[in-house]
Amino acid sequence: MKLRWKIAQAAEIRWWQNYLKKKPKADYLQWKKEYWSQLLQETGVQINKGDRIFDVGCGPAGIFIIFNEQQIEALDPLLDQYEEKLNHFNPKDYPNTHFINLPFEEYKPQQPFDKVFCLNAINHVSDLNLCFDLLTASVARGGTLVCSIDAHNHSFFKYLFRLIPGDVLHPHQYDLEEYKKMLTDRGFTIQKSILKDKQFFFNYFVLVATK
């Protein structure tokens, strides 16, 4: 799995370079802020001024970009490459965000967070079970996890993609009920399951869970 994860990470930075190369920084970031604000409304998650927030697998323009009055930690193993290779990411633009350039597997949870976001990221990790354990440890009692996933629609392709690299960006292949169980088995209660995008192979869901 580590080799498959490394291949996925290399593909990830190339994807970002191709995706952003014709998008002006200001226009892209404005669009992304509007996207995150709309997503937050759909989830119904209330953000308070003093909340501690964790953005796991944040990418170059994660949900951290819309929070100005909270304490933010944002983690991604490609942050250094984003800063070096993408004009759209400069950590100095976000003075209230502490950036952590690590694979999630190497993160050591300290004080838990009120809100944890893991958006389009859990599919990308190397050790899925460990990372769900770390997400659980990162959410404070009474806190909220917002996790988005690409979930398989067809069992045949789910098992096929586990055998062959049919989906190079995502090392893990599961369906929606399997992802939900990974959360409920760890003590979470699923509050919402929001279908954001429907495709043939995968549907893109946002899960809102409380601990």
C-alpha atoms as a PDB file:
ATOM      1  CA  MET A   1       0.000   0.000   0.000  1.00  0.00           C
ATOM      2  CA  LYS A   2       2.887   2.403   0.674  1.00  0.00           C
ATOM      3  CA  LEU A   3       4.049   2.153  -2.960  1.00  0.00           C
ATOM      4  CA  ARG A   4       0.503   2.729  -4.190  1.00  0.00           C
ATOM      5  CA  TRP A   5       0.237   5.728  -1.833  1.00  0.00           C
ATOM      6  CA  LYS A   6       3.511   7.209  -3.144  1.00  0.00           C
ATOM      7  CA  ILE A   7       2.287   6.849  -6.716  1.00  0.00           C
ATOM      8  CA  ALA A   8      -0.970   8.535  -5.722  1.00  0.00           C
ATOM      9  CA  GLN A   9       0.884  11.442  -4.085  1.00  0.00           C
ATOM     10  CA  ALA A  10       3.024  12.005  -7.173  1.00  0.00           C
ATOM     11  CA  ALA A  11      -0.113  11.994  -9.296  1.00  0.00           C
ATOM     12  CA  GLU A  12      -1.790  14.383  -6.861  1.00  0.00           C
ATOM     13  CA  ILE A  13       0.737  17.206  -7.236  1.00  0.00           C
ATOM     14  CA  ARG A  14       0.698  16.816 -11.022  1.00  0.00           C
ATOM     15  CA  TRP A  15      -3.097  16.999 -10.948  1.00  0.00           C
ATOM     16  CA  TRP A  16      -2.995  20.264  -8.989  1.00  0.00           C
ATOM     17  CA  GLN A  17      -0.421  21.767 -11.355  1.00  0.00           C
ATOM     18  CA  ASN A  18      -2.544  20.939 -14.394  1.00  0.00           C
ATOM     19  CA  TYR A  19      -5.784  22.019 -12.731  1.00  0.00           C
ATOM     20  CA  LEU A  20      -4.537  25.410 -11.559  1.00  0.00           C
ATOM     21  CA  LYS A  21      -2.207  26.450 -14.363  1.00  0.00           C
ATOM     22  CA  LYS A  22      -4.846  28.536 -16.184  1.00  0.00           C
ATOM     23  CA  LYS A  23      -6.735  29.748 -13.107  1.00  0.00           C
ATOM     24  CA  PRO A  24      -5.784  33.208 -11.751  1.00  0.00           C
ATOM     25  CA  LYS A  25      -5.059  33.016  -8.024  1.00  0.00           C
ATOM     26  CA  ALA A  26      -7.548  35.663  -6.883  1.00  0.00           C
ATOM     27  CA  ASP A  27     -10.392  34.257  -8.975  1.00  0.00           C
ATOM     28  CA  TYR A  28      -9.744  30.700  -7.896  1.00  0.00           C
ATOM     29  CA  LEU A  29      -9.519  31.518  -4.183  1.00  0.00           C
ATOM     30  CA  GLN A  30     -12.704  33.580  -4.309  1.00  0.00           C
ATOM     31  CA  TRP A  31     -14.544  30.713  -5.993  1.00  0.00           C
ATOM     32  CA  LYS A  32     -13.124  28.269  -3.465  1.00  0.00           C
ATOM     33  CA  LYS A  33     -14.216  30.403  -0.500  1.00  0.00           C
ATOM     34  CA  GLU A  34     -17.743  30.515  -1.883  1.00  0.00           C
ATOM     35  CA  TYR A  35     -17.669  26.746  -2.390  1.00  0.00           C
ATOM     36  CA  TRP A  36     -16.573  26.090   1.212  1.00  0.00           C
ATOM     37  CA  SER A  37     -19.106  28.545   2.608  1.00  0.00           C
ATOM     38  CA  GLN A  38     -21.901  26.809   0.695  1.00  0.00           C
ATOM     39  CA  LEU A  39     -20.701  23.399   1.899  1.00  0.00           C
ATOM     40  CA  LEU A  40     -20.674  24.619   5.481  1.00  0.00           C
ATOM     41  CA  GLN A  41     -24.280  25.789   5.107  1.00  0.00           C
ATOM     42  CA  GLU A  42     -25.303  22.415   3.692  1.00  0.00           C
ATOM     43  CA  THR A  43     -23.759  20.525   6.594  1.00  0.00           C
ATOM     44  CA  GLY A  44     -25.448  22.752   9.190  1.00  0.00           C
ATOM     45  CA  VAL A  45     -22.242  22.781  11.237  1.00  0.00           C
ATOM     46  CA  GLN A  46     -22.020  25.932  13.356  1.00  0.00           C
ATOM     47  CA  ILE A  47     -18.583  27.508  13.687  1.00  0.00           C
ATOM     48  CA  ASN A  48     -17.982  29.532  16.841  1.00  0.00           C
ATOM     49  CA  LYS A  49     -15.420  32.283  17.265  1.00  0.00           C
ATOM     50  CA  GLY A  50     -13.269  30.361  19.730  1.00  0.00           C
ATOM     51  CA  ASP A  51     -13.421  26.971  18.024  1.00  0.00           C
ATOM     52  CA  ARG A  52     -10.294  24.924  17.487  1.00  0.00           C
ATOM     53  CA  ILE A  53     -10.451  23.582  13.925  1.00  0.00           C
ATOM     54  CA  PHE A  54      -8.395  20.884  12.206  1.00  0.00           C
ATOM     55  CA  ASP A  55      -8.287  20.653   8.377  1.00  0.00           C
ATOM     56  CA  VAL A  56      -6.856  17.217   7.532  1.00  0.00           C
ATOM     57  CA  GLY A  57      -5.520  16.779   4.014  1.00  0.00           C
ATOM     58  CA  CYS A  58      -6.101  20.465   3.432  1.00  0.00           C
ATOM     59  CA  GLY A  59      -4.564  20.801  -0.020  1.00  0.00           C
ATOM     60  CA  PRO A  60      -3.517  24.259  -1.259  1.00  0.00           C
ATOM     61  CA  ALA A  61      -6.930  25.854  -0.652  1.00  0.00           C
ATOM     62  CA  GLY A  62      -8.756  23.809   1.953  1.00  0.00           C
ATOM     63  CA  ILE A  63     -11.612  24.923   4.135  1.00  0.00           C
ATOM     64  CA  PHE A  64      -9.070  26.693   6.371  1.00  0.00           C
ATOM     65  CA  ILE A  65      -9.176  29.636   3.942  1.00  0.00           C
ATOM     66  CA  ILE A  66     -12.621  30.776   5.147  1.00  0.00           C
ATOM     67  CA  PHE A  67     -11.863  30.889   8.888  1.00  0.00           C
ATOM     68  CA  ASN A  68     -10.441  34.137  10.252  1.00  0.00           C
ATOM     69  CA  GLU A  69     -11.435  34.104  13.935  1.00  0.00           C
ATOM     70  CA  GLN A  70     -10.577  30.538  14.940  1.00  0.00           C
ATOM     71  CA  GLN A  71      -7.458  28.593  15.832  1.00  0.00           C
ATOM     72  CA  ILE A  72      -6.677  26.429  12.808  1.00  0.00           C
ATOM     73  CA  GLU A  73      -4.322  23.556  12.165  1.00  0.00           C
ATOM     74  CA  ALA A  74      -4.045  22.356   8.576  1.00  0.00           C
ATOM     75  CA  LEU A  75      -2.166  19.199   7.650  1.00  0.00           C
ATOM     76  CA  ASP A  76      -1.044  17.852   4.286  1.00  0.00           C
ATOM     77  CA  PRO A  77       2.047  15.865   3.237  1.00  0.00           C
ATOM     78  CA  LEU A  78       2.408  17.970   0.083  1.00  0.00           C
ATOM     79  CA  LEU A  79       2.396  21.447   1.619  1.00  0.00           C
ATOM     80  CA  ASP A  80       6.038  22.137   0.766  1.00  0.00           C
ATOM     81  CA  GLN A  81       5.404  21.129  -2.837  1.00  0.00           C
ATOM     82  CA  TYR A  82       2.270  23.251  -3.019  1.00  0.00           C
ATOM     83  CA  GLU A  83       4.255  26.265  -1.840  1.00  0.00           C
ATOM     84  CA  GLU A  84       7.088  25.548  -4.273  1.00  0.00           C
ATOM     85  CA  LYS A  85       5.100  24.577  -7.371  1.00  0.00           C
ATOM     86  CA  LEU A  86       1.761  26.387  -7.092  1.00  0.00           C
ATOM     87  CA  ASN A  87       1.308  30.154  -7.150  1.00  0.00           C
ATOM     88  CA  HIS A  88      -2.063  29.689  -5.465  1.00  0.00           C
ATOM     89  CA  PHE A  89      -0.692  28.669  -2.055  1.00  0.00           C
ATOM     90  CA  ASN A  90       1.281  30.914   0.277  1.00  0.00           C
ATOM     91  CA  PRO A  91       1.069  30.024   3.985  1.00  0.00           C
ATOM     92  CA  LYS A  92       1.760  33.671   4.892  1.00  0.00           C
ATOM     93  CA  ASP A  93      -1.712  34.518   3.560  1.00  0.00           C
ATOM     94  CA  TYR A  94      -3.226  32.656   6.545  1.00  0.00           C
ATOM     95  CA  PRO A  95      -1.635  33.965   9.758  1.00  0.00           C
ATOM     96  CA  ASN A  96      -4.120  32.217  12.076  1.00  0.00           C
ATOM     97  CA  THR A  97      -3.403  28.795  10.533  1.00  0.00           C
ATOM     98  CA  HIS A  98      -0.620  26.523  11.720  1.00  0.00           C
ATOM     99  CA  PHE A  99       0.441  24.324   8.806  1.00  0.00           C
ATOM    100  CA  ILE A 100       1.772  20.792   9.360  1.00  0.00           C
ATOM    101  CA  ASN A 101       3.697  19.212   6.497  1.00  0.00           C
ATOM    102  CA  LEU A 102       3.256  15.534   7.413  1.00  0.00           C
ATOM    103  CA  PRO A 103       1.457  12.398   6.312  1.00  0.00           C
ATOM    104  CA  PHE A 104      -1.523  12.028   8.618  1.00  0.00           C
ATOM    105  CA  GLU A 105      -0.117   8.689   9.794  1.00  0.00           C
ATOM    106  CA  GLU A 106       2.763  10.552  11.466  1.00  0.00           C
ATOM    107  CA  TYR A 107       0.554  13.090  13.245  1.00  0.00           C
ATOM    108  CA  LYS A 108       0.415  12.915  17.046  1.00  0.00           C
ATOM    109  CA  PRO A 109      -2.900  14.300  18.358  1.00  0.00           C
ATOM    110  CA  GLN A 110      -2.471  16.634  21.328  1.00  0.00           C
ATOM    111  CA  GLN A 111      -5.432  18.714  22.454  1.00  0.00           C
ATOM    112  CA  PRO A 112      -8.557  17.591  20.544  1.00  0.00           C
ATOM    113  CA  PHE A 113     -10.470  19.911  18.234  1.00  0.00           C
ATOM    114  CA  ASP A 114     -14.048  21.175  18.286  1.00  0.00           C
ATOM    115  CA  LYS A 115     -14.432  20.714  14.534  1.00  0.00           C
ATOM    116  CA  VAL A 116     -12.417  18.402  12.301  1.00  0.00           C
ATOM    117  CA  PHE A 117     -12.684  18.541   8.517  1.00  0.00           C
ATOM    118  CA  CYS A 118     -11.314  15.770   6.312  1.00  0.00           C
ATOM    119  CA  LEU A 119     -12.530  16.726   2.859  1.00  0.00           C
ATOM    120  CA  ASN A 120     -11.640  14.641  -0.167  1.00  0.00           C
ATOM    121  CA  ALA A 121      -8.640  13.350   1.755  1.00  0.00           C
ATOM    122  CA  ILE A 122      -9.325  10.090   3.586  1.00  0.00           C
ATOM    123  CA  ASN A 123      -9.298   8.202   0.254  1.00  0.00           C
ATOM    124  CA  HIS A 124      -5.742   9.434  -0.264  1.00  0.00           C
ATOM    125  CA  VAL A 125      -4.040   8.208   2.917  1.00  0.00           C
ATOM    126  CA  SER A 126      -1.714   5.218   3.158  1.00  0.00           C
ATOM    127  CA  ASP A 127      -3.012   3.496   6.309  1.00  0.00           C
ATOM    128  CA  LEU A 128      -6.776   3.937   6.312  1.00  0.00           C
ATOM    129  CA  ASN A 129      -7.561   2.297   9.665  1.00  0.00           C
ATOM    130  CA  LEU A 130      -4.838   4.231  11.460  1.00  0.00           C
ATOM    131  CA  CYS A 131      -6.074   7.485   9.947  1.00  0.00           C
ATOM    132  CA  PHE A 132      -9.650   6.846  11.061  1.00  0.00           C
ATOM    133  CA  ASP A 133      -8.242   6.200  14.547  1.00  0.00           C
ATOM    134  CA  LEU A 134      -6.370   9.504  14.368  1.00  0.00           C
ATOM    135  CA  LEU A 135      -9.490  11.346  13.202  1.00  0.00           C
ATOM    136  CA  THR A 136     -11.332   9.882  16.173  1.00  0.00           C
ATOM    137  CA  ALA A 137      -8.603  10.958  18.589  1.00  0.00           C
ATOM    138  CA  SER A 138      -8.569  14.447  17.065  1.00  0.00           C
ATOM    139  CA  VAL A 139     -12.256  15.167  17.706  1.00  0.00           C
ATOM    140  CA  ALA A 140     -13.151  16.422  21.179  1.00  0.00           C
ATOM    141  CA  ARG A 141     -16.010  14.817  23.090  1.00  0.00           C
ATOM    142  CA  GLY A 142     -19.127  16.536  21.781  1.00  0.00           C
ATOM    143  CA  GLY A 143     -17.187  17.697  18.711  1.00  0.00           C
ATOM    144  CA  THR A 144     -17.999  17.277  15.032  1.00  0.00           C
ATOM    145  CA  LEU A 145     -16.258  15.530  12.148  1.00  0.00           C
ATOM    146  CA  VAL A 146     -17.043  16.466   8.552  1.00  0.00           C
ATOM    147  CA  CYS A 147     -15.589  13.869   6.200  1.00  0.00           C
ATOM    148  CA  SER A 148     -16.105  13.651   2.450  1.00  0.00           C
ATOM    149  CA  ILE A 149     -15.456  10.533   0.415  1.00  0.00           C
ATOM    150  CA  ASP A 150     -15.713   9.042  -3.056  1.00  0.00           C
ATOM    151  CA  ALA A 151     -17.840   5.937  -2.462  1.00  0.00           C
ATOM    152  CA  HIS A 152     -18.171   3.082  -4.922  1.00  0.00           C
ATOM    153  CA  ASN A 153     -21.554   2.454  -6.532  1.00  0.00           C
ATOM    154  CA  HIS A 154     -20.835  -1.037  -7.894  1.00  0.00           C
ATOM    155  CA  SER A 155     -19.310  -3.962  -6.000  1.00  0.00           C
ATOM    156  CA  PHE A 156     -17.686  -5.365  -9.152  1.00  0.00           C
ATOM    157  CA  PHE A 157     -15.656  -2.223  -9.815  1.00  0.00           C
ATOM    158  CA  LYS A 158     -14.895  -1.778  -6.117  1.00  0.00           C
ATOM    159  CA  TYR A 159     -13.145  -5.124  -5.997  1.00  0.00           C
ATOM    160  CA  LEU A 160     -11.615  -4.684  -9.454  1.00  0.00           C
ATOM    161  CA  PHE A 161     -10.073  -1.329  -8.484  1.00  0.00           C
ATOM    162  CA  ARG A 162      -8.605  -2.950  -5.381  1.00  0.00           C
ATOM    163  CA  LEU A 163      -6.730  -5.358  -7.651  1.00  0.00           C
ATOM    164  CA  ILE A 164      -5.630  -2.955 -10.377  1.00  0.00           C
ATOM    165  CA  PRO A 165      -4.809   0.788 -10.290  1.00  0.00           C
ATOM    166  CA  GLY A 166      -8.044   1.842 -11.980  1.00  0.00           C
ATOM    167  CA  ASP A 167      -8.200   4.895  -9.713  1.00  0.00           C
ATOM    168  CA  VAL A 168      -4.608   6.014  -9.232  1.00  0.00           C
ATOM    169  CA  LEU A 169      -5.402   9.047  -7.060  1.00  0.00           C
ATOM    170  CA  HIS A 170      -7.251   6.992  -4.447  1.00  0.00           C
ATOM    171  CA  PRO A 171      -5.440   4.018  -2.858  1.00  0.00           C
ATOM    172  CA  HIS A 172      -8.617   2.857  -1.055  1.00  0.00           C
ATOM    173  CA  GLN A 173     -11.823   1.547  -2.572  1.00  0.00           C
ATOM    174  CA  TYR A 174     -14.960   1.270  -0.409  1.00  0.00           C
ATOM    175  CA  ASP A 175     -18.681   1.931  -0.619  1.00  0.00           C
ATOM    176  CA  LEU A 176     -20.734   4.364   1.453  1.00  0.00           C
ATOM    177  CA  GLU A 177     -21.948   1.873   4.049  1.00  0.00           C
ATOM    178  CA  GLU A 178     -18.397   0.649   4.638  1.00  0.00           C
ATOM    179  CA  TYR A 179     -17.201   4.205   5.269  1.00  0.00           C
ATOM    180  CA  LYS A 180     -20.105   4.883   7.614  1.00  0.00           C
ATOM    181  CA  LYS A 181     -19.284   1.735   9.575  1.00  0.00           C
ATOM    182  CA  MET A 182     -15.677   2.872   9.957  1.00  0.00           C
ATOM    183  CA  LEU A 183     -17.050   5.892  11.824  1.00  0.00           C
ATOM    184  CA  THR A 184     -19.826   4.267  13.850  1.00  0.00           C
ATOM    185  CA  ASP A 185     -17.485   1.477  14.961  1.00  0.00           C
ATOM    186  CA  ARG A 186     -15.331   4.221  16.494  1.00  0.00           C
ATOM    187  CA  GLY A 187     -18.147   5.789  18.484  1.00  0.00           C
ATOM    188  CA  PHE A 188     -19.411   8.411  16.018  1.00  0.00           C
ATOM    189  CA  THR A 189     -23.060   9.089  15.272  1.00  0.00           C
ATOM    190  CA  ILE A 190     -23.800   9.935  11.644  1.00  0.00           C
ATOM    191  CA  GLN A 191     -25.922  13.086  11.594  1.00  0.00           C
ATOM    192  CA  LYS A 192     -26.043  13.714   7.854  1.00  0.00           C
ATOM    193  CA  SER A 193     -25.054  11.996   4.626  1.00  0.00           C
ATOM    194  CA  ILE A 194     -25.051  14.559   1.820  1.00  0.00           C
ATOM    195  CA  LEU A 195     -24.788  13.480  -1.814  1.00  0.00           C
ATOM    196  CA  LYS A 196     -22.703  16.178  -3.514  1.00  0.00           C
ATOM    197  CA  ASP A 197     -21.980  14.560  -6.881  1.00  0.00           C
ATOM    198  CA  LYS A 198     -23.237  11.470  -8.687  1.00  0.00           C
ATOM    199  CA  GLN A 199     -21.079   9.616 -11.212  1.00  0.00           C
ATOM    200  CA  PHE A 200     -21.010   6.110 -12.651  1.00  0.00           C
ATOM    201  CA  PHE A 201     -18.171   4.613 -10.615  1.00  0.00           C
ATOM    202  CA  PHE A 202     -18.358   6.807  -7.515  1.00  0.00           C
ATOM    203  CA  ASN A 203     -20.742   9.092  -5.711  1.00  0.00           C
ATOM    204  CA  TYR A 204     -19.214  11.923  -3.729  1.00  0.00           C
ATOM    205  CA  PHE A 205     -20.659  12.172  -0.223  1.00  0.00           C
ATOM    206  CA  VAL A 206     -20.139  14.443   2.747  1.00  0.00           C
ATOM    207  CA  LEU A 207     -20.656  12.747   6.099  1.00  0.00           C
ATOM    208  CA  VAL A 208     -21.339  14.802   9.228  1.00  0.00           C
ATOM    209  CA  ALA A 209     -20.672  12.855  12.425  1.00  0.00           C
ATOM    210  CA  THR A 210     -20.641  13.741  16.104  1.00  0.00           C
ATOM    211  CA  LYS A 211     -18.675  12.123  18.886  1.00  0.00           C
END
